[in-house]
Amino acid sequence: MAMNAAEIEALIKSALPDAQVTIEDLAGDGDHYAATVISSAFKGLSRVKQHQLVYAALQGRMGGALHALALQTSAPD
């Protein structure tokens, strides 16, 4: 069962309310996405910690409903 981009964005924004989220469906199959997430919650965190926050926001759907997610994360300037 694939996820759509709006579901991914909603989950991320639920966990990171100030996030600016851009989702791109890479293969058109609802399984392979790229996401750019900008949030003040990332300030001072390593890239790994930033990605862990995003994966936590997806509530265990990675590897199941969502097969692949290429992430770019940053804090706002």
PDB file of N, CA and C in Angstrom:
ATOM      1  N   MET A   1       0.848  -1.174   0.000  1.00  0.00           N
ATOM      2  CA  MET A   1       0.000   0.000   0.000  1.00  0.00           C
ATOM      3  C   MET A   1       0.899   1.245   0.000  1.00  0.00           C
ATOM      4  N   ALA A   2       0.853   1.984  -1.083  1.00  0.00           N
ATOM      5  CA  ALA A   2       1.700   3.161  -1.255  1.00  0.00           C
ATOM      6  C   ALA A   2       1.116   4.373  -0.529  1.00  0.00           C
ATOM      7  N   MET A   3       1.988   5.356  -0.306  1.00  0.00           N
ATOM      8  CA  MET A   3       1.558   6.621   0.304  1.00  0.00           C
ATOM      9  C   MET A   3       1.575   7.705  -0.762  1.00  0.00           C
ATOM     10  N   ASN A   4       0.738   8.719  -0.573  1.00  0.00           N
ATOM     11  CA  ASN A   4       0.827   9.842  -1.500  1.00  0.00           C
ATOM     12  C   ASN A   4       1.601  10.981  -0.835  1.00  0.00           C
ATOM     13  N   ALA A   5       2.024  11.929  -1.648  1.00  0.00           N
ATOM     14  CA  ALA A   5       2.860  13.031  -1.175  1.00  0.00           C
ATOM     15  C   ALA A   5       2.173  13.846  -0.079  1.00  0.00           C
ATOM     16  N   ALA A   6       0.879  14.035  -0.194  1.00  0.00           N
ATOM     17  CA  ALA A   6       0.143  14.817   0.806  1.00  0.00           C
ATOM     18  C   ALA A   6       0.178  14.148   2.177  1.00  0.00           C
ATOM     19  N   GLU A   7       0.112  12.812   2.216  1.00  0.00           N
ATOM     20  CA  GLU A   7       0.188  12.087   3.483  1.00  0.00           C
ATOM     21  C   GLU A   7       1.556  12.266   4.130  1.00  0.00           C
ATOM     22  N   ILE A   8       2.593  12.174   3.327  1.00  0.00           N
ATOM     23  CA  ILE A   8       3.961  12.334   3.840  1.00  0.00           C
ATOM     24  C   ILE A   8       4.128  13.743   4.406  1.00  0.00           C
ATOM     25  N   GLU A   9       3.700  14.728   3.640  1.00  0.00           N
ATOM     26  CA  GLU A   9       3.806  16.123   4.085  1.00  0.00           C
ATOM     27  C   GLU A   9       3.027  16.351   5.383  1.00  0.00           C
ATOM     28  N   ALA A  10       1.829  15.801   5.479  1.00  0.00           N
ATOM     29  CA  ALA A  10       1.008  15.983   6.675  1.00  0.00           C
ATOM     30  C   ALA A  10       1.670  15.369   7.909  1.00  0.00           C
ATOM     31  N   LEU A  11       2.259  14.191   7.764  1.00  0.00           N
ATOM     32  CA  LEU A  11       2.931  13.552   8.891  1.00  0.00           C
ATOM     33  C   LEU A  11       4.127  14.376   9.362  1.00  0.00           C
ATOM     34  N   ILE A  12       4.904  14.883   8.407  1.00  0.00           N
ATOM     35  CA  ILE A  12       6.074  15.685   8.761  1.00  0.00           C
ATOM     36  C   ILE A  12       5.638  16.978   9.445  1.00  0.00           C
ATOM     37  N   LYS A  13       4.633  17.643   8.884  1.00  0.00           N
ATOM     38  CA  LYS A  13       4.173  18.905   9.463  1.00  0.00           C
ATOM     39  C   LYS A  13       3.500  18.698  10.822  1.00  0.00           C
ATOM     40  N   SER A  14       2.945  17.538  11.045  1.00  0.00           N
ATOM     41  CA  SER A  14       2.353  17.244  12.342  1.00  0.00           C
ATOM     42  C   SER A  14       3.437  17.201  13.426  1.00  0.00           C
ATOM     43  N   ALA A  15       4.583  16.621  13.092  1.00  0.00           N
ATOM     44  CA  ALA A  15       5.683  16.515  14.051  1.00  0.00           C
ATOM     45  C   ALA A  15       6.534  17.777  14.100  1.00  0.00           C
ATOM     46  N   LEU A  16       6.625  18.473  12.954  1.00  0.00           N
ATOM     47  CA  LEU A  16       7.452  19.682  12.844  1.00  0.00           C
ATOM     48  C   LEU A  16       6.576  20.794  12.267  1.00  0.00           C
ATOM     49  N   PRO A  17       5.742  21.414  13.104  1.00  0.00           N
ATOM     50  CA  PRO A  17       4.715  22.345  12.610  1.00  0.00           C
ATOM     51  C   PRO A  17       5.232  23.525  11.792  1.00  0.00           C
ATOM     52  N   ASP A  18       6.466  23.968  12.044  1.00  0.00           N
ATOM     53  CA  ASP A  18       6.998  25.116  11.293  1.00  0.00           C
ATOM     54  C   ASP A  18       7.685  24.704   9.990  1.00  0.00           C
ATOM     55  N   ALA A  19       7.703  23.414   9.696  1.00  0.00           N
ATOM     56  CA  ALA A  19       8.464  22.907   8.550  1.00  0.00           C
ATOM     57  C   ALA A  19       7.922  23.401   7.216  1.00  0.00           C
ATOM     58  N   GLN A  20       8.872  23.719   6.352  1.00  0.00           N
ATOM     59  CA  GLN A  20       8.574  23.936   4.939  1.00  0.00           C
ATOM     60  C   GLN A  20       8.916  22.610   4.266  1.00  0.00           C
ATOM     61  N   VAL A  21       7.942  21.986   3.640  1.00  0.00           N
ATOM     62  CA  VAL A  21       8.120  20.642   3.098  1.00  0.00           C
ATOM     63  C   VAL A  21       7.814  20.636   1.608  1.00  0.00           C
ATOM     64  N   THR A  22       8.746  20.072   0.836  1.00  0.00           N
ATOM     65  CA  THR A  22       8.537  19.864  -0.593  1.00  0.00           C
ATOM     66  C   THR A  22       8.729  18.376  -0.864  1.00  0.00           C
ATOM     67  N   ILE A  23       7.735  17.759  -1.477  1.00  0.00           N
ATOM     68  CA  ILE A  23       7.792  16.327  -1.764  1.00  0.00           C
ATOM     69  C   ILE A  23       7.748  16.125  -3.279  1.00  0.00           C
ATOM     70  N   GLU A  24       8.601  15.238  -3.768  1.00  0.00           N
ATOM     71  CA  GLU A  24       8.614  14.902  -5.202  1.00  0.00           C
ATOM     72  C   GLU A  24       8.509  13.388  -5.345  1.00  0.00           C
ATOM     73  N   ASP A  25       7.562  12.918  -6.156  1.00  0.00           N
ATOM     74  CA  ASP A  25       7.415  11.489  -6.445  1.00  0.00           C
ATOM     75  C   ASP A  25       8.411  11.151  -7.548  1.00  0.00           C
ATOM     76  N   LEU A  26       9.464  10.429  -7.208  1.00  0.00           N
ATOM     77  CA  LEU A  26      10.565  10.186  -8.139  1.00  0.00           C
ATOM     78  C   LEU A  26      10.237   9.200  -9.250  1.00  0.00           C
ATOM     79  N   ALA A  27       9.395   8.222  -8.965  1.00  0.00           N
ATOM     80  CA  ALA A  27       9.134   7.169  -9.943  1.00  0.00           C
ATOM     81  C   ALA A  27       7.676   7.105 -10.383  1.00  0.00           C
ATOM     82  N   GLY A  28       6.825   7.923  -9.793  1.00  0.00           N
ATOM     83  CA  GLY A  28       5.411   7.897 -10.144  1.00  0.00           C
ATOM     84  C   GLY A  28       4.675   6.687  -9.594  1.00  0.00           C
ATOM     85  N   ASP A  29       5.315   5.978  -8.651  1.00  0.00           N
ATOM     86  CA  ASP A  29       4.712   4.757  -8.135  1.00  0.00           C
ATOM     87  C   ASP A  29       4.214   4.869  -6.695  1.00  0.00           C
ATOM     88  N   GLY A  30       4.364   6.049  -6.090  1.00  0.00           N
ATOM     89  CA  GLY A  30       3.922   6.228  -4.716  1.00  0.00           C
ATOM     90  C   GLY A  30       4.804   5.537  -3.696  1.00  0.00           C
ATOM     91  N   ASP A  31       5.960   5.046  -4.116  1.00  0.00           N
ATOM     92  CA  ASP A  31       6.881   4.348  -3.217  1.00  0.00           C
ATOM     93  C   ASP A  31       8.242   5.021  -3.092  1.00  0.00           C
ATOM     94  N   HIS A  32       8.598   5.852  -4.057  1.00  0.00           N
ATOM     95  CA  HIS A  32       9.928   6.448  -4.112  1.00  0.00           C
ATOM     96  C   HIS A  32       9.795   7.971  -4.185  1.00  0.00           C
ATOM     97  N   TYR A  33      10.154   8.625  -3.084  1.00  0.00           N
ATOM     98  CA  TYR A  33       9.998  10.072  -2.990  1.00  0.00           C
ATOM     99  C   TYR A  33      11.310  10.747  -2.623  1.00  0.00           C
ATOM    100  N   ALA A  34      11.381  12.026  -2.936  1.00  0.00           N
ATOM    101  CA  ALA A  34      12.431  12.902  -2.427  1.00  0.00           C
ATOM    102  C   ALA A  34      11.726  13.994  -1.633  1.00  0.00           C
ATOM    103  N   ALA A  35      12.287  14.359  -0.490  1.00  0.00           N
ATOM    104  CA  ALA A  35      11.698  15.385   0.349  1.00  0.00           C
ATOM    105  C   ALA A  35      12.761  16.390   0.761  1.00  0.00           C
ATOM    106  N   THR A  36      12.383  17.656   0.692  1.00  0.00           N
ATOM    107  CA  THR A  36      13.196  18.723   1.247  1.00  0.00           C
ATOM    108  C   THR A  36      12.418  19.272   2.429  1.00  0.00           C
ATOM    109  N   VAL A  37      13.061  19.292   3.592  1.00  0.00           N
ATOM    110  CA  VAL A  37      12.397  19.734   4.818  1.00  0.00           C
ATOM    111  C   VAL A  37      13.276  20.790   5.490  1.00  0.00           C
ATOM    112  N   ILE A  38      12.700  21.958   5.703  1.00  0.00           N
ATOM    113  CA  ILE A  38      13.390  23.048   6.384  1.00  0.00           C
ATOM    114  C   ILE A  38      12.609  23.349   7.656  1.00  0.00           C
ATOM    115  N   SER A  39      13.290  23.260   8.800  1.00  0.00           N
ATOM    116  CA  SER A  39      12.617  23.476  10.076  1.00  0.00           C
ATOM    117  C   SER A  39      13.594  24.048  11.096  1.00  0.00           C
ATOM    118  N   SER A  40      13.101  24.944  11.936  1.00  0.00           N
ATOM    119  CA  SER A  40      13.927  25.489  13.012  1.00  0.00           C
ATOM    120  C   SER A  40      14.292  24.405  14.026  1.00  0.00           C
ATOM    121  N   ALA A  41      13.542  23.308  14.058  1.00  0.00           N
ATOM    122  CA  ALA A  41      13.851  22.198  14.967  1.00  0.00           C
ATOM    123  C   ALA A  41      15.201  21.564  14.646  1.00  0.00           C
ATOM    124  N   PHE A  42      15.711  21.792  13.440  1.00  0.00           N
ATOM    125  CA  PHE A  42      16.976  21.201  13.021  1.00  0.00           C
ATOM    126  C   PHE A  42      18.188  22.025  13.450  1.00  0.00           C
ATOM    127  N   LYS A  43      17.951  23.218  13.947  1.00  0.00           N
ATOM    128  CA  LYS A  43      19.060  24.112  14.295  1.00  0.00           C
ATOM    129  C   LYS A  43      19.992  23.454  15.312  1.00  0.00           C
ATOM    130  N   GLY A  44      21.278  23.407  14.968  1.00  0.00           N
ATOM    131  CA  GLY A  44      22.291  22.845  15.847  1.00  0.00           C
ATOM    132  C   GLY A  44      22.394  21.330  15.824  1.00  0.00           C
ATOM    133  N   LEU A  45      21.537  20.664  15.046  1.00  0.00           N
ATOM    134  CA  LEU A  45      21.564  19.199  14.976  1.00  0.00           C
ATOM    135  C   LEU A  45      22.394  18.726  13.788  1.00  0.00           C
ATOM    136  N   SER A  46      23.006  17.570  13.944  1.00  0.00           N
ATOM    137  CA  SER A  46      23.723  16.958  12.821  1.00  0.00           C
ATOM    138  C   SER A  46      22.716  16.529  11.751  1.00  0.00           C
ATOM    139  N   ARG A  47      23.199  16.297  10.565  1.00  0.00           N
ATOM    140  CA  ARG A  47      22.339  15.841   9.470  1.00  0.00           C
ATOM    141  C   ARG A  47      21.653  14.535   9.846  1.00  0.00           C
ATOM    142  N   VAL A  48      22.384  13.643  10.508  1.00  0.00           N
ATOM    143  CA  VAL A  48      21.809  12.356  10.919  1.00  0.00           C
ATOM    144  C   VAL A  48      20.638  12.580  11.875  1.00  0.00           C
ATOM    145  N   LYS A  49      20.813  13.460  12.859  1.00  0.00           N
ATOM    146  CA  LYS A  49      19.737  13.744  13.825  1.00  0.00           C
ATOM    147  C   LYS A  49      18.541  14.387  13.125  1.00  0.00           C
ATOM    148  N   GLN A  50      18.801  15.259  12.163  1.00  0.00           N
ATOM    149  CA  GLN A  50      17.715  15.885  11.401  1.00  0.00           C
ATOM    150  C   GLN A  50      16.906  14.821  10.677  1.00  0.00           C
ATOM    151  N   HIS A  51      17.593  13.903  10.019  1.00  0.00           N
ATOM    152  CA  HIS A  51      16.909  12.835   9.281  1.00  0.00           C
ATOM    153  C   HIS A  51      16.146  11.927  10.238  1.00  0.00           C
ATOM    154  N   GLN A  52      16.709  11.670  11.421  1.00  0.00           N
ATOM    155  CA  GLN A  52      16.015  10.837  12.394  1.00  0.00           C
ATOM    156  C   GLN A  52      14.700  11.480  12.836  1.00  0.00           C
ATOM    157  N   LEU A  53      14.688  12.810  12.965  1.00  0.00           N
ATOM    158  CA  LEU A  53      13.439  13.498  13.322  1.00  0.00           C
ATOM    159  C   LEU A  53      12.384  13.302  12.238  1.00  0.00           C
ATOM    160  N   VAL A  54      12.797  13.388  10.985  1.00  0.00           N
ATOM    161  CA  VAL A  54      11.850  13.208   9.880  1.00  0.00           C
ATOM    162  C   VAL A  54      11.347  11.766   9.849  1.00  0.00           C
ATOM    163  N   TYR A  55      12.257  10.804   9.981  1.00  0.00           N
ATOM    164  CA  TYR A  55      11.830   9.403   9.982  1.00  0.00           C
ATOM    165  C   TYR A  55      10.887   9.109  11.149  1.00  0.00           C
ATOM    166  N   ALA A  56      11.149   9.689  12.307  1.00  0.00           N
ATOM    167  CA  ALA A  56      10.258   9.508  13.455  1.00  0.00           C
ATOM    168  C   ALA A  56       8.876  10.075  13.149  1.00  0.00           C
ATOM    169  N   ALA A  57       8.833  11.184  12.421  1.00  0.00           N
ATOM    170  CA  ALA A  57       7.550  11.796  12.056  1.00  0.00           C
ATOM    171  C   ALA A  57       6.717  10.874  11.167  1.00  0.00           C
ATOM    172  N   LEU A  58       7.383   9.995  10.442  1.00  0.00           N
ATOM    173  CA  LEU A  58       6.679   9.087   9.529  1.00  0.00           C
ATOM    174  C   LEU A  58       6.093   7.874  10.250  1.00  0.00           C
ATOM    175  N   GLN A  59       6.282   7.807  11.541  1.00  0.00           N
ATOM    176  CA  GLN A  59       5.614   6.834  12.413  1.00  0.00           C
ATOM    177  C   GLN A  59       5.728   5.383  11.934  1.00  0.00           C
ATOM    178  N   GLY A  60       6.939   4.975  11.590  1.00  0.00           N
ATOM    179  CA  GLY A  60       7.173   3.581  11.230  1.00  0.00           C
ATOM    180  C   GLY A  60       6.762   3.185   9.824  1.00  0.00           C
ATOM    181  N   ARG A  61       6.390   4.134   8.990  1.00  0.00           N
ATOM    182  CA  ARG A  61       5.947   3.788   7.632  1.00  0.00           C
ATOM    183  C   ARG A  61       7.104   3.542   6.666  1.00  0.00           C
ATOM    184  N   MET A  62       8.319   3.999   7.030  1.00  0.00           N
ATOM    185  CA  MET A  62       9.477   3.739   6.180  1.00  0.00           C
ATOM    186  C   MET A  62       9.717   2.231   6.099  1.00  0.00           C
ATOM    187  N   GLY A  63       9.955   1.749   4.901  1.00  0.00           N
ATOM    188  CA  GLY A  63      10.183   0.324   4.708  1.00  0.00           C
ATOM    189  C   GLY A  63       8.901  -0.473   4.562  1.00  0.00           C
ATOM    190  N   GLY A  64       7.762   0.164   4.799  1.00  0.00           N
ATOM    191  CA  GLY A  64       6.466  -0.497   4.626  1.00  0.00           C
ATOM    192  C   GLY A  64       5.680   0.234   3.559  1.00  0.00           C
ATOM    193  N   ALA A  65       4.792   1.122   4.000  1.00  0.00           N
ATOM    194  CA  ALA A  65       3.970   1.899   3.065  1.00  0.00           C
ATOM    195  C   ALA A  65       4.829   2.837   2.217  1.00  0.00           C
ATOM    196  N   LEU A  66       5.966   3.232   2.753  1.00  0.00           N
ATOM    197  CA  LEU A  66       6.879   4.127   2.037  1.00  0.00           C
ATOM    198  C   LEU A  66       8.202   3.407   1.865  1.00  0.00           C
ATOM    199  N   HIS A  67       8.530   3.055   0.625  1.00  0.00           N
ATOM    200  CA  HIS A  67       9.712   2.240   0.356  1.00  0.00           C
ATOM    201  C   HIS A  67      11.002   3.060   0.427  1.00  0.00           C
ATOM    202  N   ALA A  68      11.029   4.253  -0.195  1.00  0.00           N
ATOM    203  CA  ALA A  68      12.261   5.029  -0.251  1.00  0.00           C
ATOM    204  C   ALA A  68      11.966   6.518  -0.151  1.00  0.00           C
ATOM    205  N   LEU A  69      12.782   7.205   0.632  1.00  0.00           N
ATOM    206  CA  LEU A  69      12.644   8.637   0.784  1.00  0.00           C
ATOM    207  C   LEU A  69      14.039   9.252   0.831  1.00  0.00           C
ATOM    208  N   ALA A  70      14.387   9.979  -0.224  1.00  0.00           N
ATOM    209  CA  ALA A  70      15.653  10.712  -0.255  1.00  0.00           C
ATOM    210  C   ALA A  70      15.410  12.043   0.448  1.00  0.00           C
ATOM    211  N   LEU A  71      16.211  12.333   1.470  1.00  0.00           N
ATOM    212  CA  LEU A  71      15.987  13.503   2.293  1.00  0.00           C
ATOM    213  C   LEU A  71      17.063  14.579   2.117  1.00  0.00           C
ATOM    214  N   GLN A  72      16.603  15.813   2.083  1.00  0.00           N
ATOM    215  CA  GLN A  72      17.467  16.975   2.231  1.00  0.00           C
ATOM    216  C   GLN A  72      16.847  17.777   3.363  1.00  0.00           C
ATOM    217  N   THR A  73      17.621  18.015   4.415  1.00  0.00           N
ATOM    218  CA  THR A  73      17.099  18.747   5.563  1.00  0.00           C
ATOM    219  C   THR A  73      18.020  19.908   5.900  1.00  0.00           C
ATOM    220  N   SER A  74      17.434  20.957   6.461  1.00  0.00           N
ATOM    221  CA  SER A  74      18.229  22.093   6.928  1.00  0.00           C
ATOM    222  C   SER A  74      17.381  22.965   7.849  1.00  0.00           C
ATOM    223  N   ALA A  75      18.099  23.783   8.611  1.00  0.00           N
ATOM    224  CA  ALA A  75      17.433  24.805   9.423  1.00  0.00           C
ATOM    225  C   ALA A  75      17.304  26.051   8.552  1.00  0.00           C
ATOM    226  N   PRO A  76      16.318  26.887   8.818  1.00  0.00           N
ATOM    227  CA  PRO A  76      16.186  28.116   8.022  1.00  0.00           C
ATOM    228  C   PRO A  76      17.392  29.021   8.248  1.00  0.00           C
ATOM    229  N   ASP A  77      17.687  29.843   7.263  1.00  0.00           N
ATOM    230  CA  ASP A  77      18.829  30.791   7.366  1.00  0.00           C
ATOM    231  C   ASP A  77      18.555  31.869   8.373  1.00  0.00           C
TER     232      ASP A  77
END
